[in-house]
């Protein structure tokens, strides 16, 4: 039986199964968008689906570090986590 690949959450730094996390992708424009299917091209980073991990990742500049450049969250991503609060 194959094991599901593990990924580390940017906020809590906990290793979880890939499908339990939300993949974020930085586009060439610098905008960060959610990639639920995991198919968008570009550099990806993973966060837990709760908003606290995204906030923690932003506060500690882990998102910019993971993407190796400063980046802006898209309105789609901000709205996704605002609805979960």
PDB file of N, CA and C in Angstrom:
ATOM      1  N   UNK A   1       0.839  -1.173   0.000  1.00  0.00           N
ATOM      2  CA  UNK A   1       0.000   0.000   0.000  1.00  0.00           C
ATOM      3  C   UNK A   1       0.890   1.245   0.000  1.00  0.00           C
ATOM      4  N   UNK A   2       0.556   2.228  -0.849  1.00  0.00           N
ATOM      5  CA  UNK A   2       1.335   3.461  -0.918  1.00  0.00           C
ATOM      6  C   UNK A   2       0.958   4.404   0.204  1.00  0.00           C
ATOM      7  N   UNK A   3       1.976   5.087   0.715  1.00  0.00           N
ATOM      8  CA  UNK A   3       1.721   6.105   1.731  1.00  0.00           C
ATOM      9  C   UNK A   3       1.418   7.437   1.064  1.00  0.00           C
ATOM     10  N   UNK A   4       0.538   8.187   1.677  1.00  0.00           N
ATOM     11  CA  UNK A   4       0.226   9.536   1.203  1.00  0.00           C
ATOM     12  C   UNK A   4       1.406  10.445   1.549  1.00  0.00           C
ATOM     13  N   UNK A   5       1.858  11.290   0.611  1.00  0.00           N
ATOM     14  CA  UNK A   5       2.983  12.172   0.910  1.00  0.00           C
ATOM     15  C   UNK A   5       2.630  13.181   2.001  1.00  0.00           C
ATOM     16  N   UNK A   6       3.581  13.477   2.848  1.00  0.00           N
ATOM     17  CA  UNK A   6       3.388  14.445   3.916  1.00  0.00           C
ATOM     18  C   UNK A   6       3.864  15.824   3.504  1.00  0.00           C
ATOM     19  N   UNK A   7       3.200  16.849   4.012  1.00  0.00           N
ATOM     20  CA  UNK A   7       3.585  18.235   3.771  1.00  0.00           C
ATOM     21  C   UNK A   7       3.536  18.969   5.102  1.00  0.00           C
ATOM     22  N   UNK A   8       4.329  20.018   5.231  1.00  0.00           N
ATOM     23  CA  UNK A   8       4.394  20.796   6.463  1.00  0.00           C
ATOM     24  C   UNK A   8       3.555  22.060   6.324  1.00  0.00           C
ATOM     25  N   UNK A   9       2.712  22.317   7.306  1.00  0.00           N
ATOM     26  CA  UNK A   9       1.899  23.527   7.333  1.00  0.00           C
ATOM     27  C   UNK A   9       2.800  24.723   7.646  1.00  0.00           C
ATOM     28  N   UNK A  10       2.602  25.828   6.934  1.00  0.00           N
ATOM     29  CA  UNK A  10       3.398  27.034   7.162  1.00  0.00           C
ATOM     30  C   UNK A  10       3.124  27.668   8.519  1.00  0.00           C
ATOM     31  N   UNK A  11       1.922  27.508   9.030  1.00  0.00           N
ATOM     32  CA  UNK A  11       1.560  28.155  10.285  1.00  0.00           C
ATOM     33  C   UNK A  11       1.987  27.388  11.514  1.00  0.00           C
ATOM     34  N   UNK A  12       1.518  26.153  11.649  1.00  0.00           N
ATOM     35  CA  UNK A  12       1.774  25.371  12.862  1.00  0.00           C
ATOM     36  C   UNK A  12       2.993  24.466  12.744  1.00  0.00           C
ATOM     37  N   UNK A  13       3.548  24.338  11.529  1.00  0.00           N
ATOM     38  CA  UNK A  13       4.734  23.520  11.259  1.00  0.00           C
ATOM     39  C   UNK A  13       4.496  22.033  11.506  1.00  0.00           C
ATOM     40  N   UNK A  14       3.243  21.624  11.513  1.00  0.00           N
ATOM     41  CA  UNK A  14       2.894  20.217  11.712  1.00  0.00           C
ATOM     42  C   UNK A  14       2.878  19.497  10.366  1.00  0.00           C
ATOM     43  N   UNK A  15       3.437  18.295  10.323  1.00  0.00           N
ATOM     44  CA  UNK A  15       3.434  17.500   9.096  1.00  0.00           C
ATOM     45  C   UNK A  15       2.130  16.711   9.044  1.00  0.00           C
ATOM     46  N   UNK A  16       1.417  16.884   7.947  1.00  0.00           N
ATOM     47  CA  UNK A  16       0.142  16.195   7.746  1.00  0.00           C
ATOM     48  C   UNK A  16       0.111  15.600   6.350  1.00  0.00           C
ATOM     49  N   UNK A  17      -0.899  14.786   6.103  1.00  0.00           N
ATOM     50  CA  UNK A  17      -1.079  14.252   4.757  1.00  0.00           C
ATOM     51  C   UNK A  17      -1.366  15.406   3.801  1.00  0.00           C
ATOM     52  N   UNK A  18      -0.886  15.262   2.600  1.00  0.00           N
ATOM     53  CA  UNK A  18      -1.026  16.300   1.584  1.00  0.00           C
ATOM     54  C   UNK A  18      -2.485  16.715   1.376  1.00  0.00           C
ATOM     55  N   UNK A  19      -3.385  15.749   1.348  1.00  0.00           N
ATOM     56  CA  UNK A  19      -4.793  16.058   1.083  1.00  0.00           C
ATOM     57  C   UNK A  19      -5.497  16.745   2.258  1.00  0.00           C
ATOM     58  N   UNK A  20      -4.892  16.749   3.446  1.00  0.00           N
ATOM     59  CA  UNK A  20      -5.492  17.410   4.604  1.00  0.00           C
ATOM     60  C   UNK A  20      -5.154  18.900   4.656  1.00  0.00           C
ATOM     61  N   UNK A  21      -4.272  19.352   3.768  1.00  0.00           N
ATOM     62  CA  UNK A  21      -3.845  20.746   3.749  1.00  0.00           C
ATOM     63  C   UNK A  21      -4.333  21.435   2.481  1.00  0.00           C
ATOM     64  N   UNK A  22      -4.323  22.753   2.503  1.00  0.00           N
ATOM     65  CA  UNK A  22      -4.695  23.554   1.337  1.00  0.00           C
ATOM     66  C   UNK A  22      -3.413  24.039   0.673  1.00  0.00           C
ATOM     67  N   UNK A  23      -3.302  23.808  -0.623  1.00  0.00           N
ATOM     68  CA  UNK A  23      -2.116  24.257  -1.363  1.00  0.00           C
ATOM     69  C   UNK A  23      -2.339  25.677  -1.853  1.00  0.00           C
ATOM     70  N   UNK A  24      -1.351  26.522  -1.612  1.00  0.00           N
ATOM     71  CA  UNK A  24      -1.347  27.882  -2.132  1.00  0.00           C
ATOM     72  C   UNK A  24      -0.264  27.970  -3.192  1.00  0.00           C
ATOM     73  N   UNK A  25      -0.526  28.707  -4.254  1.00  0.00           N
ATOM     74  CA  UNK A  25       0.423  28.844  -5.359  1.00  0.00           C
ATOM     75  C   UNK A  25       0.677  30.321  -5.611  1.00  0.00           C
ATOM     76  N   UNK A  26       1.948  30.659  -5.812  1.00  0.00           N
ATOM     77  CA  UNK A  26       2.309  32.031  -6.173  1.00  0.00           C
ATOM     78  C   UNK A  26       2.380  32.113  -7.687  1.00  0.00           C
ATOM     79  N   UNK A  27       1.576  32.988  -8.245  1.00  0.00           N
ATOM     80  CA  UNK A  27       1.589  33.190  -9.699  1.00  0.00           C
ATOM     81  C   UNK A  27       2.740  34.115 -10.078  1.00  0.00           C
ATOM     82  N   UNK A  28       3.028  34.213 -11.353  1.00  0.00           N
ATOM     83  CA  UNK A  28       4.118  35.062 -11.839  1.00  0.00           C
ATOM     84  C   UNK A  28       3.901  36.526 -11.467  1.00  0.00           C
ATOM     85  N   UNK A  29       2.647  36.933 -11.322  1.00  0.00           N
ATOM     86  CA  UNK A  29       2.327  38.315 -10.949  1.00  0.00           C
ATOM     87  C   UNK A  29       2.606  38.594  -9.477  1.00  0.00           C
ATOM     88  N   UNK A  30       2.885  37.559  -8.686  1.00  0.00           N
ATOM     89  CA  UNK A  30       3.136  37.718  -7.263  1.00  0.00           C
ATOM     90  C   UNK A  30       1.917  37.452  -6.408  1.00  0.00           C
ATOM     91  N   UNK A  31       0.779  37.232  -7.042  1.00  0.00           N
ATOM     92  CA  UNK A  31      -0.465  36.969  -6.327  1.00  0.00           C
ATOM     93  C   UNK A  31      -0.509  35.510  -5.881  1.00  0.00           C
ATOM     94  N   UNK A  32      -0.981  35.289  -4.665  1.00  0.00           N
ATOM     95  CA  UNK A  32      -1.105  33.937  -4.121  1.00  0.00           C
ATOM     96  C   UNK A  32      -2.560  33.502  -4.231  1.00  0.00           C
ATOM     97  N   UNK A  33      -2.777  32.343  -4.847  1.00  0.00           N
ATOM     98  CA  UNK A  33      -4.127  31.813  -5.028  1.00  0.00           C
ATOM     99  C   UNK A  33      -4.206  30.405  -4.444  1.00  0.00           C
ATOM    100  N   UNK A  34      -5.423  29.999  -4.076  1.00  0.00           N
ATOM    101  CA  UNK A  34      -5.648  28.640  -3.578  1.00  0.00           C
ATOM    102  C   UNK A  34      -5.672  27.673  -4.758  1.00  0.00           C
ATOM    103  N   UNK A  35      -5.151  26.481  -4.534  1.00  0.00           N
ATOM    104  CA  UNK A  35      -5.111  25.447  -5.571  1.00  0.00           C
ATOM    105  C   UNK A  35      -5.660  24.146  -4.991  1.00  0.00           C
ATOM    106  N   UNK A  36      -6.995  24.038  -4.866  1.00  0.00           N
ATOM    107  CA  UNK A  36      -7.569  22.840  -4.247  1.00  0.00           C
ATOM    108  C   UNK A  36      -7.285  21.553  -5.012  1.00  0.00           C
ATOM    109  N   UNK A  37      -7.144  21.627  -6.329  1.00  0.00           N
ATOM    110  CA  UNK A  37      -6.887  20.423  -7.125  1.00  0.00           C
ATOM    111  C   UNK A  37      -5.408  20.050  -7.138  1.00  0.00           C
ATOM    112  N   UNK A  38      -4.541  20.978  -6.750  1.00  0.00           N
ATOM    113  CA  UNK A  38      -3.107  20.702  -6.733  1.00  0.00           C
ATOM    114  C   UNK A  38      -2.495  20.612  -8.113  1.00  0.00           C
ATOM    115  N   UNK A  39      -3.072  21.284  -9.082  1.00  0.00           N
ATOM    116  CA  UNK A  39      -2.618  21.166 -10.464  1.00  0.00           C
ATOM    117  C   UNK A  39      -2.038  22.457 -11.059  1.00  0.00           C
ATOM    118  N   UNK A  40      -2.192  23.589 -10.386  1.00  0.00           N
ATOM    119  CA  UNK A  40      -1.692  24.842 -10.954  1.00  0.00           C
ATOM    120  C   UNK A  40      -0.170  24.844 -11.007  1.00  0.00           C
ATOM    121  N   UNK A  41       0.394  25.431 -12.060  1.00  0.00           N
ATOM    122  CA  UNK A  41       1.855  25.514 -12.130  1.00  0.00           C
ATOM    123  C   UNK A  41       2.367  26.589 -11.179  1.00  0.00           C
ATOM    124  N   UNK A  42       3.585  26.456 -10.775  1.00  0.00           N
ATOM    125  CA  UNK A  42       4.193  27.451  -9.897  1.00  0.00           C
ATOM    126  C   UNK A  42       4.592  26.848  -8.575  1.00  0.00           C
ATOM    127  N   UNK A  43       5.254  27.651  -7.801  1.00  0.00           N
ATOM    128  CA  UNK A  43       5.749  27.218  -6.508  1.00  0.00           C
ATOM    129  C   UNK A  43       4.586  27.120  -5.534  1.00  0.00           C
ATOM    130  N   UNK A  44       4.504  26.032  -4.808  1.00  0.00           N
ATOM    131  CA  UNK A  44       3.398  25.817  -3.886  1.00  0.00           C
ATOM    132  C   UNK A  44       3.834  25.800  -2.436  1.00  0.00           C
ATOM    133  N   UNK A  45       2.897  26.104  -1.556  1.00  0.00           N
ATOM    134  CA  UNK A  45       3.098  26.025  -0.114  1.00  0.00           C
ATOM    135  C   UNK A  45       1.788  25.519   0.477  1.00  0.00           C
ATOM    136  N   UNK A  46       1.857  24.911   1.640  1.00  0.00           N
ATOM    137  CA  UNK A  46       0.684  24.276   2.234  1.00  0.00           C
ATOM    138  C   UNK A  46       0.360  24.872   3.594  1.00  0.00           C
ATOM    139  N   UNK A  47      -0.947  25.028   3.869  1.00  0.00           N
ATOM    140  CA  UNK A  47      -1.423  25.491   5.169  1.00  0.00           C
ATOM    141  C   UNK A  47      -2.625  24.657   5.582  1.00  0.00           C
ATOM    142  N   UNK A  48      -2.857  24.599   6.891  1.00  0.00           N
ATOM    143  CA  UNK A  48      -4.045  23.923   7.410  1.00  0.00           C
ATOM    144  C   UNK A  48      -5.282  24.708   6.972  1.00  0.00           C
ATOM    145  N   UNK A  49      -6.415  24.056   6.877  1.00  0.00           N
ATOM    146  CA  UNK A  49      -7.613  24.762   6.432  1.00  0.00           C
ATOM    147  C   UNK A  49      -8.146  25.799   7.418  1.00  0.00           C
ATOM    148  N   UNK A  50      -7.658  25.823   8.661  1.00  0.00           N
ATOM    149  CA  UNK A  50      -8.164  26.843   9.588  1.00  0.00           C
ATOM    150  C   UNK A  50      -7.398  28.151   9.397  1.00  0.00           C
ATOM    151  N   UNK A  51      -8.070  29.260   9.623  1.00  0.00           N
ATOM    152  CA  UNK A  51      -7.491  30.579   9.375  1.00  0.00           C
ATOM    153  C   UNK A  51      -6.337  30.944  10.277  1.00  0.00           C
ATOM    154  N   UNK A  52      -6.253  30.338  11.451  1.00  0.00           N
ATOM    155  CA  UNK A  52      -5.185  30.675  12.393  1.00  0.00           C
ATOM    156  C   UNK A  52      -3.813  30.338  11.823  1.00  0.00           C
ATOM    157  N   UNK A  53      -3.705  29.241  11.120  1.00  0.00           N
ATOM    158  CA  UNK A  53      -2.411  28.851  10.541  1.00  0.00           C
ATOM    159  C   UNK A  53      -1.995  29.810   9.434  1.00  0.00           C
ATOM    160  N   UNK A  54      -2.935  30.260   8.631  1.00  0.00           N
ATOM    161  CA  UNK A  54      -2.607  31.224   7.585  1.00  0.00           C
ATOM    162  C   UNK A  54      -2.143  32.535   8.214  1.00  0.00           C
ATOM    163  N   UNK A  55      -2.852  32.996   9.233  1.00  0.00           N
ATOM    164  CA  UNK A  55      -2.465  34.233   9.924  1.00  0.00           C
ATOM    165  C   UNK A  55      -1.073  34.108  10.531  1.00  0.00           C
ATOM    166  N   UNK A  56      -0.809  32.987  11.180  1.00  0.00           N
ATOM    167  CA  UNK A  56       0.499  32.758  11.795  1.00  0.00           C
ATOM    168  C   UNK A  56       1.604  32.741  10.736  1.00  0.00           C
ATOM    169  N   UNK A  57       1.327  32.115   9.611  1.00  0.00           N
ATOM    170  CA  UNK A  57       2.294  32.069   8.517  1.00  0.00           C
ATOM    171  C   UNK A  57       2.580  33.444   7.943  1.00  0.00           C
ATOM    172  N   UNK A  58       1.551  34.289   7.870  1.00  0.00           N
ATOM    173  CA  UNK A  58       1.738  35.653   7.375  1.00  0.00           C
ATOM    174  C   UNK A  58       2.502  36.506   8.380  1.00  0.00           C
ATOM    175  N   UNK A  59       2.149  36.400   9.658  1.00  0.00           N
ATOM    176  CA  UNK A  59       2.812  37.192  10.700  1.00  0.00           C
ATOM    177  C   UNK A  59       4.303  36.893  10.773  1.00  0.00           C
ATOM    178  N   UNK A  60       4.640  35.643  10.650  1.00  0.00           N
ATOM    179  CA  UNK A  60       6.047  35.236  10.781  1.00  0.00           C
ATOM    180  C   UNK A  60       6.782  35.222   9.443  1.00  0.00           C
ATOM    181  N   UNK A  61       6.136  35.755   8.427  1.00  0.00           N
ATOM    182  CA  UNK A  61       6.716  35.879   7.079  1.00  0.00           C
ATOM    183  C   UNK A  61       7.150  34.547   6.482  1.00  0.00           C
ATOM    184  N   UNK A  62       6.490  33.491   6.885  1.00  0.00           N
ATOM    185  CA  UNK A  62       6.806  32.166   6.346  1.00  0.00           C
ATOM    186  C   UNK A  62       6.295  32.003   4.918  1.00  0.00           C
ATOM    187  N   UNK A  63       5.212  32.691   4.604  1.00  0.00           N
ATOM    188  CA  UNK A  63       4.669  32.597   3.250  1.00  0.00           C
ATOM    189  C   UNK A  63       5.653  33.203   2.244  1.00  0.00           C
ATOM    190  N   UNK A  64       6.176  34.381   2.539  1.00  0.00           N
ATOM    191  CA  UNK A  64       7.157  35.019   1.653  1.00  0.00           C
ATOM    192  C   UNK A  64       8.427  34.174   1.565  1.00  0.00           C
ATOM    193  N   UNK A  65       8.815  33.567   2.660  1.00  0.00           N
ATOM    194  CA  UNK A  65      10.012  32.721   2.662  1.00  0.00           C
ATOM    195  C   UNK A  65       9.791  31.470   1.808  1.00  0.00           C
ATOM    196  N   UNK A  66       8.621  30.870   1.916  1.00  0.00           N
ATOM    197  CA  UNK A  66       8.321  29.662   1.141  1.00  0.00           C
ATOM    198  C   UNK A  66       8.290  29.955  -0.359  1.00  0.00           C
ATOM    199  N   UNK A  67       7.792  31.125  -0.721  1.00  0.00           N
ATOM    200  CA  UNK A  67       7.718  31.492  -2.131  1.00  0.00           C
ATOM    201  C   UNK A  67       8.977  32.202  -2.616  1.00  0.00           C
ATOM    202  N   UNK A  68       9.893  32.450  -1.709  1.00  0.00           N
ATOM    203  CA  UNK A  68      11.184  33.074  -2.011  1.00  0.00           C
ATOM    204  C   UNK A  68      11.074  34.493  -2.537  1.00  0.00           C
ATOM    205  N   UNK A  69       9.911  35.101  -2.387  1.00  0.00           N
ATOM    206  CA  UNK A  69       9.690  36.482  -2.818  1.00  0.00           C
ATOM    207  C   UNK A  69       8.514  37.047  -2.036  1.00  0.00           C
ATOM    208  N   UNK A  70       8.447  38.370  -1.906  1.00  0.00           N
ATOM    209  CA  UNK A  70       7.246  38.964  -1.306  1.00  0.00           C
ATOM    210  C   UNK A  70       6.029  38.635  -2.167  1.00  0.00           C
ATOM    211  N   UNK A  71       4.893  38.459  -1.531  1.00  0.00           N
ATOM    212  CA  UNK A  71       3.702  38.076  -2.284  1.00  0.00           C
ATOM    213  C   UNK A  71       2.462  38.683  -1.642  1.00  0.00           C
ATOM    214  N   UNK A  72       1.397  38.750  -2.417  1.00  0.00           N
ATOM    215  CA  UNK A  72       0.111  39.273  -1.979  1.00  0.00           C
ATOM    216  C   UNK A  72      -0.933  38.171  -2.052  1.00  0.00           C
ATOM    217  N   UNK A  73      -1.758  38.062  -1.008  1.00  0.00           N
ATOM    218  CA  UNK A  73      -2.857  37.095  -1.046  1.00  0.00           C
ATOM    219  C   UNK A  73      -3.953  37.619  -1.956  1.00  0.00           C
ATOM    220  N   UNK A  74      -4.508  36.758  -2.764  1.00  0.00           N
ATOM    221  CA  UNK A  74      -5.624  37.159  -3.627  1.00  0.00           C
ATOM    222  C   UNK A  74      -6.871  37.335  -2.766  1.00  0.00           C
ATOM    223  N   UNK A  75      -7.835  38.048  -3.305  1.00  0.00           N
ATOM    224  CA  UNK A  75      -9.105  38.234  -2.602  1.00  0.00           C
ATOM    225  C   UNK A  75      -9.793  36.891  -2.376  1.00  0.00           C
ATOM    226  N   UNK A  76      -9.611  35.969  -3.312  1.00  0.00           N
ATOM    227  CA  UNK A  76     -10.190  34.627  -3.194  1.00  0.00           C
ATOM    228  C   UNK A  76      -9.680  33.931  -1.930  1.00  0.00           C
ATOM    229  N   UNK A  77      -8.371  33.996  -1.700  1.00  0.00           N
ATOM    230  CA  UNK A  77      -7.773  33.333  -0.537  1.00  0.00           C
ATOM    231  C   UNK A  77      -8.206  34.030   0.743  1.00  0.00           C
ATOM    232  N   UNK A  78      -8.195  35.352   0.755  1.00  0.00           N
ATOM    233  CA  UNK A  78      -8.639  36.090   1.947  1.00  0.00           C
ATOM    234  C   UNK A  78     -10.093  35.755   2.278  1.00  0.00           C
ATOM    235  N   UNK A  79     -10.946  35.719   1.267  1.00  0.00           N
ATOM    236  CA  UNK A  79     -12.356  35.406   1.465  1.00  0.00           C
ATOM    237  C   UNK A  79     -12.576  33.993   1.965  1.00  0.00           C
ATOM    238  N   UNK A  80     -11.779  33.065   1.477  1.00  0.00           N
ATOM    239  CA  UNK A  80     -11.893  31.669   1.887  1.00  0.00           C
ATOM    240  C   UNK A  80     -11.680  31.531   3.393  1.00  0.00           C
ATOM    241  N   UNK A  81     -10.656  32.197   3.915  1.00  0.00           N
ATOM    242  CA  UNK A  81     -10.372  32.080   5.337  1.00  0.00           C
ATOM    243  C   UNK A  81     -11.261  32.981   6.183  1.00  0.00           C
ATOM    244  N   UNK A  82     -11.764  34.079   5.633  1.00  0.00           N
ATOM    245  CA  UNK A  82     -12.688  34.934   6.369  1.00  0.00           C
ATOM    246  C   UNK A  82     -13.991  34.190   6.646  1.00  0.00           C
ATOM    247  N   UNK A  83     -14.450  33.402   5.668  1.00  0.00           N
ATOM    248  CA  UNK A  83     -15.695  32.642   5.845  1.00  0.00           C
ATOM    249  C   UNK A  83     -15.556  31.555   6.900  1.00  0.00           C
ATOM    250  N   UNK A  84     -14.340  31.069   7.131  1.00  0.00           N
ATOM    251  CA  UNK A  84     -14.148  29.975   8.079  1.00  0.00           C
ATOM    252  C   UNK A  84     -14.041  30.452   9.518  1.00  0.00           C
ATOM    253  N   UNK A  85     -13.914  31.735   9.725  1.00  0.00           N
ATOM    254  CA  UNK A  85     -13.810  32.258  11.101  1.00  0.00           C
ATOM    255  C   UNK A  85     -15.109  32.205  11.826  1.00  0.00           C
TER     256      UNK A  85
END
